[in-house]
C-alpha atoms as a PDB file:
ATOM      1  CA  MET A   1      78.775 116.621 120.343  1.00  0.00           C
ATOM      2  CA  THR A   2      78.231 113.035 120.810  1.00  0.00           C
ATOM      3  CA  MET A   3      80.214 110.991 118.144  1.00  0.00           C
ATOM      4  CA  ARG A   4      77.798 108.798 116.134  1.00  0.00           C
ATOM      5  CA  ILE A   5      79.284 105.145 115.682  1.00  0.00           C
ATOM      6  CA  LEU A   6      77.516 102.453 113.386  1.00  0.00           C
ATOM      7  CA  CYS A   7      78.832  98.826 114.380  1.00  0.00           C
ATOM      8  CA  THR A   8      78.253  95.918 112.020  1.00  0.00           C
ATOM      9  CA  ASN A   9      79.818  92.421 111.425  1.00  0.00           C
ATOM     10  CA  ASP A  10      79.476  89.611 109.036  1.00  0.00           C
ATOM     11  CA  ASP A  11      79.027  86.796 111.887  1.00  0.00           C
ATOM     12  CA  GLY A  12      75.596  87.578 112.642  1.00  0.00           C
ATOM     13  CA  PHE A  13      73.791  90.019 115.022  1.00  0.00           C
ATOM     14  CA  MET A  14      74.256  87.363 117.909  1.00  0.00           C
ATOM     15  CA  ALA A  15      78.099  87.050 117.962  1.00  0.00           C
ATOM     16  CA  THR A  16      80.088  87.668 120.755  1.00  0.00           C
ATOM     17  CA  GLY A  17      82.444  89.895 118.994  1.00  0.00           C
ATOM     18  CA  LEU A  18      79.742  92.256 117.779  1.00  0.00           C
ATOM     19  CA  ARG A  19      78.603  92.658 121.353  1.00  0.00           C
ATOM     20  CA  VAL A  20      82.185  93.140 122.567  1.00  0.00           C
ATOM     21  CA  LEU A  21      82.905  95.834 119.946  1.00  0.00           C
ATOM     22  CA  ALA A  22      79.569  97.851 120.489  1.00  0.00           C
ATOM     23  CA  SER A  23      80.212  97.832 124.368  1.00  0.00           C
ATOM     24  CA  ALA A  24      83.716  99.046 123.887  1.00  0.00           C
ATOM     25  CA  ALA A  25      82.446 101.817 121.478  1.00  0.00           C
ATOM     26  CA  LEU A  26      80.107 103.188 123.935  1.00  0.00           C
ATOM     27  CA  ARG A  27      83.062 104.682 125.612  1.00  0.00           C
ATOM     28  CA  ILE A  28      83.509 106.834 122.445  1.00  0.00           C
ATOM     29  CA  GLY A  29      79.924 107.745 121.519  1.00  0.00           C
ATOM     30  CA  GLN A  30      76.254 106.975 120.684  1.00  0.00           C
ATOM     31  CA  VAL A  31      76.262 103.370 119.053  1.00  0.00           C
ATOM     32  CA  THR A  32      73.863 101.823 116.432  1.00  0.00           C
ATOM     33  CA  VAL A  33      74.301  98.264 115.679  1.00  0.00           C
ATOM     34  CA  VAL A  34      72.945  96.988 112.256  1.00  0.00           C
ATOM     35  CA  ALA A  35      74.188  93.445 111.370  1.00  0.00           C
ATOM     36  CA  PRO A  36      73.073  90.339 109.450  1.00  0.00           C
ATOM     37  CA  ASP A  37      70.541  87.827 110.743  1.00  0.00           C
ATOM     38  CA  ARG A  38      72.895  85.084 110.189  1.00  0.00           C
ATOM     39  CA  GLU A  39      76.623  84.230 109.360  1.00  0.00           C
ATOM     40  CA  GLN A  40      77.903  85.881 106.320  1.00  0.00           C
ATOM     41  CA  SER A  41      81.628  85.026 106.431  1.00  0.00           C
ATOM     42  CA  ALA A  42      83.624  85.190 103.173  1.00  0.00           C
ATOM     43  CA  THR A  43      80.670  86.988 101.401  1.00  0.00           C
ATOM     44  CA  SER A  44      83.387  89.819 100.415  1.00  0.00           C
ATOM     45  CA  HIS A  45      81.543  92.899  99.168  1.00  0.00           C
ATOM     46  CA  SER A  46      78.441  91.052  97.854  1.00  0.00           C
ATOM     47  CA  LEU A  47      75.249  92.817  97.474  1.00  0.00           C
ATOM     48  CA  THR A  48      71.565  91.565  97.385  1.00  0.00           C
ATOM     49  CA  LEU A  49      70.102  92.647  94.167  1.00  0.00           C
ATOM     50  CA  HIS A  50      67.494  89.869  93.314  1.00  0.00           C
ATOM     51  CA  HIS A  51      65.203  90.059  96.367  1.00  0.00           C
ATOM     52  CA  PRO A  52      63.891  92.769  98.716  1.00  0.00           C
ATOM     53  CA  LEU A  53      65.512  93.102 102.208  1.00  0.00           C
ATOM     54  CA  ARG A  54      63.974  93.296 105.337  1.00  0.00           C
ATOM     55  CA  SER A  55      65.076  94.547 108.799  1.00  0.00           C
ATOM     56  CA  ARG A  56      63.707  94.244 112.392  1.00  0.00           C
ATOM     57  CA  ARG A  57      64.511  95.579 115.630  1.00  0.00           C
ATOM     58  CA  THR A  58      65.555  93.225 118.680  1.00  0.00           C
ATOM     59  CA  SER A  59      64.562  93.857 122.342  1.00  0.00           C
ATOM     60  CA  ASP A  60      67.966  95.511 122.959  1.00  0.00           C
ATOM     61  CA  GLY A  61      67.668  97.899 119.941  1.00  0.00           C
ATOM     62  CA  THR A  62      69.838  95.894 117.368  1.00  0.00           C
ATOM     63  CA  LEU A  63      68.769  96.288 113.861  1.00  0.00           C
ATOM     64  CA  VAL A  64      68.997  92.895 112.051  1.00  0.00           C
ATOM     65  CA  VAL A  65      68.956  92.664 108.388  1.00  0.00           C
ATOM     66  CA  ASP A  66      68.540  89.556 106.142  1.00  0.00           C
ATOM     67  CA  GLY A  67      71.323  90.439 103.889  1.00  0.00           C
ATOM     68  CA  THR A  68      75.018  90.830 103.750  1.00  0.00           C
ATOM     69  CA  PRO A  69      77.428  93.111 105.653  1.00  0.00           C
ATOM     70  CA  THR A  70      77.560  95.393 102.578  1.00  0.00           C
ATOM     71  CA  ASP A  71      73.555  95.249 102.671  1.00  0.00           C
ATOM     72  CA  CYS A  72      73.740  96.141 106.397  1.00  0.00           C
ATOM     73  CA  VAL A  73      75.974  99.404 105.773  1.00  0.00           C
ATOM     74  CA  ILE A  74      73.971 100.683 102.955  1.00  0.00           C
ATOM     75  CA  LEU A  75      70.691 100.423 104.755  1.00  0.00           C
ATOM     76  CA  ALA A  76      71.853 101.950 107.942  1.00  0.00           C
ATOM     77  CA  VAL A  77      73.399 105.018 106.265  1.00  0.00           C
ATOM     78  CA  ASN A  78      70.602 105.484 103.954  1.00  0.00           C
ATOM     79  CA  ALA A  79      67.461 104.398 105.836  1.00  0.00           C
ATOM     80  CA  LEU A  80      67.826 103.064 109.227  1.00  0.00           C
ATOM     81  CA  MET A  81      69.711 105.404 111.080  1.00  0.00           C
ATOM     82  CA  GLU A  82      68.244 109.037 111.850  1.00  0.00           C
ATOM     83  CA  ASP A  83      71.572 110.801 111.345  1.00  0.00           C
ATOM     84  CA  ARG A  84      74.684 109.595 109.357  1.00  0.00           C
ATOM     85  CA  PRO A  85      77.151 107.907 111.306  1.00  0.00           C
ATOM     86  CA  GLN A  86      80.726 109.693 111.677  1.00  0.00           C
ATOM     87  CA  PHE A  87      82.506 106.178 111.964  1.00  0.00           C
ATOM     88  CA  CYS A  88      81.765 102.676 110.971  1.00  0.00           C
ATOM     89  CA  LEU A  89      83.334  99.822 113.041  1.00  0.00           C
ATOM     90  CA  SER A  90      83.113  96.234 111.942  1.00  0.00           C
ATOM     91  CA  GLY A  91      83.697  93.176 113.744  1.00  0.00           C
ATOM     92  CA  VAL A  92      85.142  91.826 116.044  1.00  0.00           C
ATOM     93  CA  ASN A  93      85.308  89.097 113.566  1.00  0.00           C
ATOM     94  CA  HIS A  94      85.642  85.527 114.896  1.00  0.00           C
ATOM     95  CA  GLY A  95      89.065  84.831 113.246  1.00  0.00           C
ATOM     96  CA  GLN A  96      91.872  86.600 111.920  1.00  0.00           C
ATOM     97  CA  ASN A  97      91.473  88.812 108.510  1.00  0.00           C
ATOM     98  CA  LEU A  98      95.014  88.845 107.297  1.00  0.00           C
ATOM     99  CA  GLY A  99      97.003  89.119 103.964  1.00  0.00           C
ATOM    100  CA  ASP A 100      94.786  87.769 101.164  1.00  0.00           C
ATOM    101  CA  ASP A 101      91.994  87.310 103.710  1.00  0.00           C
ATOM    102  CA  VAL A 102      90.807  90.907 103.194  1.00  0.00           C
ATOM    103  CA  LEU A 103      89.673  89.892  99.824  1.00  0.00           C
ATOM    104  CA  TYR A 104      87.110  87.425 100.974  1.00  0.00           C
ATOM    105  CA  SER A 105      86.181  88.911 104.370  1.00  0.00           C
ATOM    106  CA  GLY A 106      82.746  90.131 104.839  1.00  0.00           C
ATOM    107  CA  THR A 107      84.084  92.051 108.044  1.00  0.00           C
ATOM    108  CA  VAL A 108      86.601  94.043 105.710  1.00  0.00           C
ATOM    109  CA  ALA A 109      83.846  94.542 102.977  1.00  0.00           C
ATOM    110  CA  ALA A 110      81.327  96.268 105.433  1.00  0.00           C
ATOM    111  CA  ALA A 111      84.186  98.833 106.416  1.00  0.00           C
ATOM    112  CA  MET A 112      85.033  99.242 102.821  1.00  0.00           C
ATOM    113  CA  GLU A 113      81.499 100.032 102.052  1.00  0.00           C
ATOM    114  CA  ALA A 114      81.272 102.605 104.593  1.00  0.00           C
ATOM    115  CA  VAL A 115      84.575 104.278 103.215  1.00  0.00           C
ATOM    116  CA  VAL A 116      82.623 104.192  99.691  1.00  0.00           C
ATOM    117  CA  LEU A 117      79.887 106.283 101.308  1.00  0.00           C
ATOM    118  CA  GLY A 118      82.585 108.613 102.833  1.00  0.00           C
ATOM    119  CA  ILE A 119      82.497 107.173 106.328  1.00  0.00           C
ATOM    120  CA  PRO A 120      85.934 106.521 107.977  1.00  0.00           C
ATOM    121  CA  SER A 121      85.844 103.009 109.114  1.00  0.00           C
ATOM    122  CA  VAL A 122      87.704 100.361 110.823  1.00  0.00           C
ATOM    123  CA  ALA A 123      87.623  96.314 110.505  1.00  0.00           C
ATOM    124  CA  ILE A 124      88.473  94.461 113.435  1.00  0.00           C
ATOM    125  CA  SER A 125      89.311  90.749 113.920  1.00  0.00           C
ATOM    126  CA  TYR A 126      90.494  88.406 116.534  1.00  0.00           C
ATOM    127  CA  ALA A 127      92.871  85.549 115.743  1.00  0.00           C
ATOM    128  CA  GLY A 128      92.288  83.805 118.834  1.00  0.00           C
ATOM    129  CA  PRO A 129      90.872  80.187 118.576  1.00  0.00           C
ATOM    130  CA  ASP A 130      88.474  80.526 121.467  1.00  0.00           C
ATOM    131  CA  PHE A 131      86.166  83.448 120.089  1.00  0.00           C
ATOM    132  CA  GLU A 132      84.506  83.803 123.556  1.00  0.00           C
ATOM    133  CA  SER A 133      87.742  84.823 125.104  1.00  0.00           C
ATOM    134  CA  ILE A 134      87.413  88.193 123.047  1.00  0.00           C
ATOM    135  CA  GLU A 135      85.221  89.088 126.004  1.00  0.00           C
ATOM    136  CA  GLY A 136      88.385  89.915 128.129  1.00  0.00           C
ATOM    137  CA  TRP A 137      89.718  92.323 125.405  1.00  0.00           C
ATOM    138  CA  GLU A 138      86.797  94.997 125.795  1.00  0.00           C
ATOM    139  CA  PRO A 139      88.842  97.342 127.987  1.00  0.00           C
ATOM    140  CA  LYS A 140      91.969  97.163 125.793  1.00  0.00           C
ATOM    141  CA  LEU A 141      89.895  97.532 122.523  1.00  0.00           C
ATOM    142  CA  SER A 142      87.997 100.548 124.031  1.00  0.00           C
ATOM    143  CA  ASP A 143      91.499 101.986 124.559  1.00  0.00           C
ATOM    144  CA  LEU A 144      92.601 101.299 121.296  1.00  0.00           C
ATOM    145  CA  LEU A 145      89.507 102.676 119.575  1.00  0.00           C
ATOM    146  CA  VAL A 146      89.702 105.963 121.557  1.00  0.00           C
ATOM    147  CA  GLN A 147      93.466 106.249 120.012  1.00  0.00           C
ATOM    148  CA  LEU A 148      92.365 105.478 116.444  1.00  0.00           C
ATOM    149  CA  LEU A 149      89.131 107.663 116.413  1.00  0.00           C
ATOM    150  CA  THR A 150      89.638 110.562 118.742  1.00  0.00           C
ATOM    151  CA  GLY A 151      92.212 113.514 119.068  1.00  0.00           C
ATOM    152  CA  ARG A 152      93.218 113.358 115.480  1.00  0.00           C
ATOM    153  CA  PRO A 153      92.472 116.168 112.935  1.00  0.00           C
ATOM    154  CA  ASP A 154      91.760 114.129 110.248  1.00  0.00           C
ATOM    155  CA  PHE A 155      91.261 110.148 109.479  1.00  0.00           C
ATOM    156  CA  PRO A 156      92.867 108.986 106.321  1.00  0.00           C
ATOM    157  CA  ALA A 157      90.775 109.589 103.257  1.00  0.00           C
ATOM    158  CA  SER A 158      89.428 106.866 101.200  1.00  0.00           C
ATOM    159  CA  THR A 159      91.245 104.313 103.521  1.00  0.00           C
ATOM    160  CA  LEU A 160      89.984 101.886 106.273  1.00  0.00           C
ATOM    161  CA  LEU A 161      91.970 100.375 108.970  1.00  0.00           C
ATOM    162  CA  ASN A 162      92.162  96.621 109.166  1.00  0.00           C
ATOM    163  CA  VAL A 163      93.084  95.665 112.639  1.00  0.00           C
ATOM    164  CA  ASN A 164      93.833  92.039 114.019  1.00  0.00           C
ATOM    165  CA  LEU A 165      94.283  91.309 117.469  1.00  0.00           C
ATOM    166  CA  PRO A 166      96.661  88.314 118.677  1.00  0.00           C
ATOM    167  CA  PRO A 167      95.690  85.130 120.089  1.00  0.00           C
ATOM    168  CA  LEU A 168      96.813  86.157 123.528  1.00  0.00           C
ATOM    169  CA  PRO A 169      95.198  87.473 126.624  1.00  0.00           C
ATOM    170  CA  PRO A 170      95.299  91.338 126.480  1.00  0.00           C
ATOM    171  CA  ASP A 171      97.768  91.866 129.340  1.00  0.00           C
ATOM    172  CA  GLU A 172     100.439  89.757 127.350  1.00  0.00           C
ATOM    173  CA  VAL A 173     100.099  91.683 124.143  1.00  0.00           C
ATOM    174  CA  HIS A 174     103.566  93.453 123.231  1.00  0.00           C
ATOM    175  CA  GLY A 175     102.141  96.520 121.558  1.00  0.00           C
ATOM    176  CA  VAL A 176     100.809  98.010 118.124  1.00  0.00           C
ATOM    177  CA  ARG A 177     102.345  97.635 114.928  1.00  0.00           C
ATOM    178  CA  ILE A 178     101.527  99.305 111.624  1.00  0.00           C
ATOM    179  CA  THR A 179     101.749  96.698 108.996  1.00  0.00           C
ATOM    180  CA  SER A 180     101.320  95.842 105.286  1.00  0.00           C
ATOM    181  CA  LEU A 181      99.447  93.142 103.855  1.00  0.00           C
ATOM    182  CA  GLY A 182     101.043  89.698 103.731  1.00  0.00           C
ATOM    183  CA  GLU A 183     100.320  86.742 101.213  1.00  0.00           C
ATOM    184  CA  ARG A 184      98.640  83.429 102.056  1.00  0.00           C
ATOM    185  CA  ARG A 185      98.471  80.291  99.989  1.00  0.00           C
ATOM    186  CA  TYR A 186      96.581  77.230 100.698  1.00  0.00           C
ATOM    187  CA  SER A 187      97.577  73.875  99.727  1.00  0.00           C
ATOM    188  CA  ASP A 188      95.240  70.839  99.842  1.00  0.00           C
ATOM    189  CA  SER A 189      92.209  73.143 100.390  1.00  0.00           C
ATOM    190  CA  LEU A 190      89.885  71.633  97.904  1.00  0.00           C
ATOM    191  CA  THR A 191      88.368  68.258  98.930  1.00  0.00           C
ATOM    192  CA  ARG A 192      86.805  66.077  96.295  1.00  0.00           C
ATOM    193  CA  ALA A 193      84.492  63.138  97.185  1.00  0.00           C
ATOM    194  CA  LYS A 194      81.080  61.368  96.520  1.00  0.00           C
ATOM    195  CA  ASP A 195      78.131  61.648  98.573  1.00  0.00           C
ATOM    196  CA  PRO A 196      76.136  58.454  99.603  1.00  0.00           C
ATOM    197  CA  SER A 197      74.180  58.478  96.362  1.00  0.00           C
ATOM    198  CA  GLY A 198      77.487  58.252  94.319  1.00  0.00           C
ATOM    199  CA  ARG A 199      77.401  61.722  93.035  1.00  0.00           C
ATOM    200  CA  GLU A 200      80.641  63.953  93.244  1.00  0.00           C
ATOM    201  CA  TYR A 201      81.098  66.951  95.172  1.00  0.00           C
ATOM    202  CA  PHE A 202      83.607  69.668  95.943  1.00  0.00           C
ATOM    203  CA  TRP A 203      84.424  71.446  99.324  1.00  0.00           C
ATOM    204  CA  ILE A 204      86.488  74.341  99.531  1.00  0.00           C
ATOM    205  CA  GLY A 205      88.350  74.835 102.972  1.00  0.00           C
ATOM    206  CA  GLY A 206      90.923  73.606 105.124  1.00  0.00           C
ATOM    207  CA  GLY A 207      94.479  72.612 104.004  1.00  0.00           C
ATOM    208  CA  ALA A 208      97.884  73.852 105.131  1.00  0.00           C
ATOM    209  CA  THR A 209      98.438  77.517 105.322  1.00  0.00           C
ATOM    210  CA  HIS A 210     101.498  79.062 103.915  1.00  0.00           C
ATOM    211  CA  TRP A 211     102.606  82.750 104.506  1.00  0.00           C
ATOM    212  CA  LYS A 212     105.048  85.220 103.197  1.00  0.00           C
ATOM    213  CA  GLY A 213     105.602  88.929 103.028  1.00  0.00           C
ATOM    214  CA  ARG A 214     107.734  91.801 104.036  1.00  0.00           C
ATOM    215  CA  PRO A 215     109.336  92.094 107.547  1.00  0.00           C
ATOM    216  CA  ASP A 216     106.275  94.501 108.416  1.00  0.00           C
ATOM    217  CA  SER A 217     103.434  92.061 107.327  1.00  0.00           C
ATOM    218  CA  ASP A 218     100.378  91.819 109.221  1.00  0.00           C
ATOM    219  CA  PHE A 219     100.797  88.057 109.924  1.00  0.00           C
ATOM    220  CA  ARG A 220     104.254  88.564 111.339  1.00  0.00           C
ATOM    221  CA  ALA A 221     103.027  91.063 114.170  1.00  0.00           C
ATOM    222  CA  VAL A 222     100.246  88.907 115.144  1.00  0.00           C
ATOM    223  CA  ASP A 223     102.500  85.750 115.190  1.00  0.00           C
ATOM    224  CA  GLU A 224     104.837  87.768 117.355  1.00  0.00           C
ATOM    225  CA  GLY A 225     102.080  88.992 119.830  1.00  0.00           C
ATOM    226  CA  TYR A 226     101.408  92.452 118.402  1.00  0.00           C
ATOM    227  CA  ILE A 227      98.134  93.979 117.285  1.00  0.00           C
ATOM    228  CA  SER A 228      98.516  94.651 113.665  1.00  0.00           C
ATOM    229  CA  VAL A 229      97.105  97.899 111.873  1.00  0.00           C
ATOM    230  CA  THR A 230      96.991  97.937 108.233  1.00  0.00           C
ATOM    231  CA  PRO A 231      95.953 100.910 106.032  1.00  0.00           C
ATOM    232  CA  LEU A 232      93.953  99.630 103.218  1.00  0.00           C
ATOM    233  CA  HIS A 233      93.200 102.099 100.231  1.00  0.00           C
ATOM    234  CA  LEU A 234      90.408 101.446  97.770  1.00  0.00           C
ATOM    235  CA  ASP A 235      92.300 102.393  94.871  1.00  0.00           C
ATOM    236  CA  LEU A 236      93.621  99.151  93.435  1.00  0.00           C
ATOM    237  CA  THR A 237      95.275 100.750  90.559  1.00  0.00           C
ATOM    238  CA  ASN A 238      98.989  99.458  90.194  1.00  0.00           C
ATOM    239  CA  TYR A 239     100.445 103.009  89.293  1.00  0.00           C
ATOM    240  CA  ASP A 240     103.912 101.397  88.854  1.00  0.00           C
ATOM    241  CA  LEU A 241     102.509  99.530  85.742  1.00  0.00           C
ATOM    242  CA  ILE A 242     100.777 102.178  83.945  1.00  0.00           C
ATOM    243  CA  GLU A 243     103.854 103.816  82.099  1.00  0.00           C
ATOM    244  CA  GLU A 244     104.810 100.296  81.025  1.00  0.00           C
ATOM    245  CA  LEU A 245     101.365  99.354  79.745  1.00  0.00           C
ATOM    246  CA  GLN A 246     101.268 102.563  77.611  1.00  0.00           C
ATOM    247  CA  GLY A 247     104.344 101.250  76.054  1.00  0.00           C
ATOM    248  CA  TRP A 248     102.461  98.183  74.766  1.00  0.00           C
ATOM    249  CA  LYS A 249     100.689 100.592  72.447  1.00  0.00           C
ATOM    250  CA  LEU A 250      97.549  98.612  72.578  1.00  0.00           C
ATOM    251  CA  GLU A 251      95.481  99.214  69.470  1.00  0.00           C
ATOM    252  CA  LEU A 252      92.267  97.827  67.895  1.00  0.00           C
END
């Protein structure tokens, strides 16, 4: 039986990374592409609730949605695909999604929504500065997807895999590491200025990035030339603190 694969992203339906991902996934099964009509970076897990959503089909069969990456997955699974997908692939994002990035990433959120709907999923991002060079990754990416999605009895339940490709040509990559999330902090990332009319505005972005984390952190792996694969679980509960908080004896 042919595997049914949903491909989506947060960079929009015309992004090079999405085209490369869909082409790489064709080696595994039947691919349906459902993606936003424009860039939706840093939209996280947002939903469109205050106006209707519409979709259209392009000449190459891509389904384009005027909403967020999460909207795309919901519509794909519940309305646009004739049969429920067996896997969801999100990406390839134009830029890394390491450490705290996963809290903001539309790429990761799309994969997460698929997991919420009971569909195993993988989010894939490329850390290279020249996003068009992702085209050279297609054969190696296809090999990686075959290993991740096939030949295993069970995909981890309630878990998505967050994959980051290092900024190297594929033949220079050292291998694959299973990693944990690092921690990223920005300094001087808020710009405060005035527009030509003298009104104050703020601009979030830029600044210096500072990383920290365990030796097996995702950012360390990518920095050292490895593909990083991080399992992300939907349950955010800090179980280590439950007993301590019970000791607080909170009452009203």
